[in-house]
Amino acid sequence: MKEIKASVFKAKCLSLMDEVASSGEELVVTKNGKPISKLVPLKTRPKQLFGFHEGIWKFRESSEQEIMFGTD
């Protein structure tokens, strides 16, 4: 885990964010020699979200749905 001074982080913020994202390495920002924050890479979401809840939801028969929703 790398450490960097807050003043340097302020000057190079965007390039440091790109570096953390590409390397996956965390970056600790220090102020007066004490850690004040940590920049970490964001974990990626699953590639396919469609069908994620497949099999969890169950639908009632159509006649029950009509009664439930009050359709004529």
Protein backbone atom coordinates (compact mmCIF):
# COMPACT_ATOMS: atom_id res chain seq x y z
CA MET A 1 0.00 0.00 0.00
CA LYS A 2 1.46 3.31 -1.09
CA GLU A 3 1.30 6.52 0.92
CA ILE A 4 1.17 10.02 -0.51
CA LYS A 5 1.00 13.49 1.01
CA ALA A 6 -2.30 15.35 0.72
CA SER A 7 -0.65 18.20 -1.18
CA VAL A 8 0.69 15.78 -3.81
CA PHE A 9 -2.67 14.02 -3.99
CA LYS A 10 -4.38 17.36 -4.58
CA ALA A 11 -2.04 18.17 -7.46
CA LYS A 12 -2.24 14.73 -9.12
CA CYS A 13 -5.70 13.55 -8.09
CA LEU A 14 -7.04 12.45 -11.49
CA SER A 15 -3.91 10.60 -12.56
CA LEU A 16 -3.70 8.89 -9.15
CA MET A 17 -7.32 7.72 -9.47
CA ASP A 18 -6.50 6.22 -12.87
CA GLU A 19 -3.41 4.54 -11.42
CA VAL A 20 -5.35 2.99 -8.53
CA ALA A 21 -8.08 1.79 -10.90
CA SER A 22 -5.61 0.13 -13.28
CA SER A 23 -3.20 -1.33 -10.71
CA GLY A 24 -5.76 -2.33 -8.09
CA GLU A 25 -3.41 -1.08 -5.37
CA GLU A 26 -4.75 1.04 -2.51
CA LEU A 27 -3.38 4.52 -1.84
CA VAL A 28 -3.27 6.14 1.61
CA VAL A 29 -3.37 9.94 1.75
CA THR A 30 -1.51 11.49 4.68
CA LYS A 31 -1.57 14.92 6.27
CA ASN A 32 1.21 15.91 8.67
CA GLY A 33 2.43 12.31 8.52
CA LYS A 34 -0.89 10.84 9.68
CA PRO A 35 -3.23 8.86 7.42
CA ILE A 36 -6.44 10.76 6.70
CA SER A 37 -8.03 8.83 3.84
CA LYS A 38 -7.63 5.84 1.58
CA LEU A 39 -8.27 5.58 -2.15
CA VAL A 40 -9.27 2.06 -3.15
CA PRO A 41 -10.23 0.57 -6.50
CA LEU A 42 -13.95 0.03 -7.03
CA LYS A 43 -14.91 -3.60 -7.44
CA THR A 44 -16.64 -4.28 -10.70
CA ARG A 45 -20.26 -5.33 -10.86
CA PRO A 46 -21.29 -8.69 -12.27
CA LYS A 47 -21.16 -8.60 -16.05
CA GLN A 48 -24.68 -9.92 -16.49
CA LEU A 49 -27.42 -8.54 -14.29
CA PHE A 50 -30.31 -9.84 -16.39
CA GLY A 51 -31.57 -13.04 -14.82
CA PHE A 52 -29.80 -12.37 -11.53
CA HIS A 53 -32.95 -13.17 -9.52
CA GLU A 54 -34.03 -16.04 -11.74
CA GLY A 55 -36.04 -18.60 -9.81
CA ILE A 56 -36.64 -16.33 -6.82
CA TRP A 57 -39.87 -14.70 -8.00
CA LYS A 58 -43.00 -16.77 -8.43
CA PHE A 59 -46.09 -15.48 -10.20
CA ARG A 60 -49.63 -16.49 -9.38
CA GLU A 61 -52.07 -17.89 -11.91
CA SER A 62 -53.79 -15.30 -14.11
CA SER A 63 -57.21 -15.67 -12.43
CA GLU A 64 -55.67 -14.89 -9.05
CA GLN A 65 -53.87 -11.91 -10.52
CA GLU A 66 -57.12 -10.52 -11.92
CA ILE A 67 -58.79 -10.78 -8.51
CA MET A 68 -55.74 -9.37 -6.78
CA PHE A 69 -55.55 -6.29 -9.02
CA GLY A 70 -59.33 -5.82 -9.31
CA THR A 71 -59.50 -6.07 -13.10
CA ASP A 72 -62.91 -6.44 -14.73
